[in-house]
Amino acid sequence: MVRVVLSNPMLAVTGSAKELDVTATNFRQLTLRLIDQWPALAELIDSSAVAIDGQIYQDAFAEPLQEQSEVFFMPRIEGG
């Protein structure tokens, strides 16, 4: 299973569930499973950056996941 760590803003939606184990083979499948369980996460996922196995992505839509992958959601940092 993929280990998922949610950002603090997501905790209000998930009832304080910070770490989850999710079965998924790619990032899109993982997000769809999270949104199925907590529909309000959709907007927060769209506005988040994500780190998969230590690599940060602004858009990880098609990224594959391995059985032992770790996915961290983080607020995006915008610069100017």
C-alpha atoms as a PDB file:
ATOM      1  CA  MET A   1       0.000   0.000   0.000  1.00  0.00           C
ATOM      2  CA  VAL A   2       1.026   3.580  -0.632  1.00  0.00           C
ATOM      3  CA  ARG A   3       1.629   5.676   2.490  1.00  0.00           C
ATOM      4  CA  VAL A   4      -0.098   9.067   2.207  1.00  0.00           C
ATOM      5  CA  VAL A   5       0.623  12.014   4.495  1.00  0.00           C
ATOM      6  CA  LEU A   6      -1.891  14.852   4.281  1.00  0.00           C
ATOM      7  CA  SER A   7      -1.205  18.550   4.818  1.00  0.00           C
ATOM      8  CA  ASN A   8      -2.640  20.331   7.842  1.00  0.00           C
ATOM      9  CA  PRO A   9      -5.420  22.095   5.850  1.00  0.00           C
ATOM     10  CA  MET A  10      -6.687  18.668   4.761  1.00  0.00           C
ATOM     11  CA  LEU A  11      -7.170  17.457   8.344  1.00  0.00           C
ATOM     12  CA  ALA A  12     -10.414  19.425   8.777  1.00  0.00           C
ATOM     13  CA  VAL A  13     -11.876  17.430   5.881  1.00  0.00           C
ATOM     14  CA  THR A  14     -10.604  13.996   6.933  1.00  0.00           C
ATOM     15  CA  GLY A  15     -11.520  14.260  10.598  1.00  0.00           C
ATOM     16  CA  SER A  16      -7.880  14.620  11.647  1.00  0.00           C
ATOM     17  CA  ALA A  17      -6.677  11.551   9.707  1.00  0.00           C
ATOM     18  CA  LYS A  18      -3.093  12.640   8.908  1.00  0.00           C
ATOM     19  CA  GLU A  19      -1.565   9.410   7.583  1.00  0.00           C
ATOM     20  CA  LEU A  20      -3.346   6.868   5.402  1.00  0.00           C
ATOM     21  CA  ASP A  21      -2.522   3.670   3.560  1.00  0.00           C
ATOM     22  CA  VAL A  22      -4.103   3.575   0.105  1.00  0.00           C
ATOM     23  CA  THR A  23      -3.925   0.968  -2.649  1.00  0.00           C
ATOM     24  CA  ALA A  24      -3.109   2.743  -5.920  1.00  0.00           C
ATOM     25  CA  THR A  25      -0.829   2.244  -8.918  1.00  0.00           C
ATOM     26  CA  ASN A  26      -0.623   5.905  -9.966  1.00  0.00           C
ATOM     27  CA  PHE A  27      -1.238   9.353  -8.538  1.00  0.00           C
ATOM     28  CA  ARG A  28      -4.535   9.869 -10.359  1.00  0.00           C
ATOM     29  CA  GLN A  29      -5.967   6.642  -8.939  1.00  0.00           C
ATOM     30  CA  LEU A  30      -4.794   7.640  -5.467  1.00  0.00           C
ATOM     31  CA  THR A  31      -6.480  11.056  -5.652  1.00  0.00           C
ATOM     32  CA  LEU A  32      -9.712   9.564  -6.970  1.00  0.00           C
ATOM     33  CA  ARG A  33      -9.816   7.153  -4.033  1.00  0.00           C
ATOM     34  CA  LEU A  34      -9.220   9.979  -1.554  1.00  0.00           C
ATOM     35  CA  ILE A  35     -11.925  12.120  -3.184  1.00  0.00           C
ATOM     36  CA  ASP A  36     -14.371   9.186  -3.168  1.00  0.00           C
ATOM     37  CA  GLN A  37     -13.975   8.997   0.600  1.00  0.00           C
ATOM     38  CA  TRP A  38     -13.785  12.767   1.227  1.00  0.00           C
ATOM     39  CA  PRO A  39     -15.251  14.767  -1.708  1.00  0.00           C
ATOM     40  CA  ALA A  40     -14.196  18.071  -0.156  1.00  0.00           C
ATOM     41  CA  LEU A  41     -10.550  17.064  -0.639  1.00  0.00           C
ATOM     42  CA  ALA A  42     -10.825  17.679  -4.403  1.00  0.00           C
ATOM     43  CA  GLU A  43     -10.197  21.408  -4.165  1.00  0.00           C
ATOM     44  CA  LEU A  44      -7.401  20.985  -1.612  1.00  0.00           C
ATOM     45  CA  ILE A  45      -5.663  18.352  -3.731  1.00  0.00           C
ATOM     46  CA  ASP A  46      -5.846  20.641  -6.770  1.00  0.00           C
ATOM     47  CA  SER A  47      -4.197  23.465  -4.838  1.00  0.00           C
ATOM     48  CA  SER A  48      -1.446  21.309  -3.306  1.00  0.00           C
ATOM     49  CA  ALA A  49       2.054  20.378  -4.291  1.00  0.00           C
ATOM     50  CA  VAL A  50       2.954  16.748  -3.818  1.00  0.00           C
ATOM     51  CA  ALA A  51       6.125  14.836  -3.060  1.00  0.00           C
ATOM     52  CA  ILE A  52       6.305  11.246  -4.264  1.00  0.00           C
ATOM     53  CA  ASP A  53       9.199   9.282  -2.851  1.00  0.00           C
ATOM     54  CA  GLY A  54      11.057  12.526  -2.102  1.00  0.00           C
ATOM     55  CA  GLN A  55      10.529  14.170  -5.516  1.00  0.00           C
ATOM     56  CA  ILE A  56       8.349  17.316  -5.474  1.00  0.00           C
ATOM     57  CA  TYR A  57       5.800  17.770  -8.265  1.00  0.00           C
ATOM     58  CA  GLN A  58       3.498  20.651  -9.107  1.00  0.00           C
ATOM     59  CA  ASP A  59       1.461  18.286 -11.282  1.00  0.00           C
ATOM     60  CA  ALA A  60       1.859  14.563 -10.612  1.00  0.00           C
ATOM     61  CA  PHE A  61      -1.242  13.452 -12.550  1.00  0.00           C
ATOM     62  CA  ALA A  62       0.289  10.470 -14.388  1.00  0.00           C
ATOM     63  CA  GLU A  63       3.098   9.592 -11.981  1.00  0.00           C
ATOM     64  CA  PRO A  64       3.299   5.862 -11.205  1.00  0.00           C
ATOM     65  CA  LEU A  65       3.316   4.653  -7.618  1.00  0.00           C
ATOM     66  CA  GLN A  66       5.027   1.596  -6.216  1.00  0.00           C
ATOM     67  CA  GLU A  67       3.751  -0.656  -3.429  1.00  0.00           C
ATOM     68  CA  GLN A  68       5.981   1.108  -0.866  1.00  0.00           C
ATOM     69  CA  SER A  69       5.721   4.677  -2.233  1.00  0.00           C
ATOM     70  CA  GLU A  70       5.270   7.631   0.089  1.00  0.00           C
ATOM     71  CA  VAL A  71       3.099  10.551  -1.014  1.00  0.00           C
ATOM     72  CA  PHE A  72       3.157  13.832   0.901  1.00  0.00           C
ATOM     73  CA  PHE A  73       0.654  16.610   0.163  1.00  0.00           C
ATOM     74  CA  MET A  74       1.928  20.138   0.862  1.00  0.00           C
ATOM     75  CA  PRO A  75       0.533  23.629   0.398  1.00  0.00           C
ATOM     76  CA  ARG A  76       1.968  25.187  -2.774  1.00  0.00           C
ATOM     77  CA  ILE A  77       4.506  27.901  -2.241  1.00  0.00           C
ATOM     78  CA  GLU A  78       3.962  30.703  -4.714  1.00  0.00           C
ATOM     79  CA  GLY A  79       6.723  33.175  -5.429  1.00  0.00           C
ATOM     80  CA  GLY A  80       6.898  36.388  -7.300  1.00  0.00           C
END
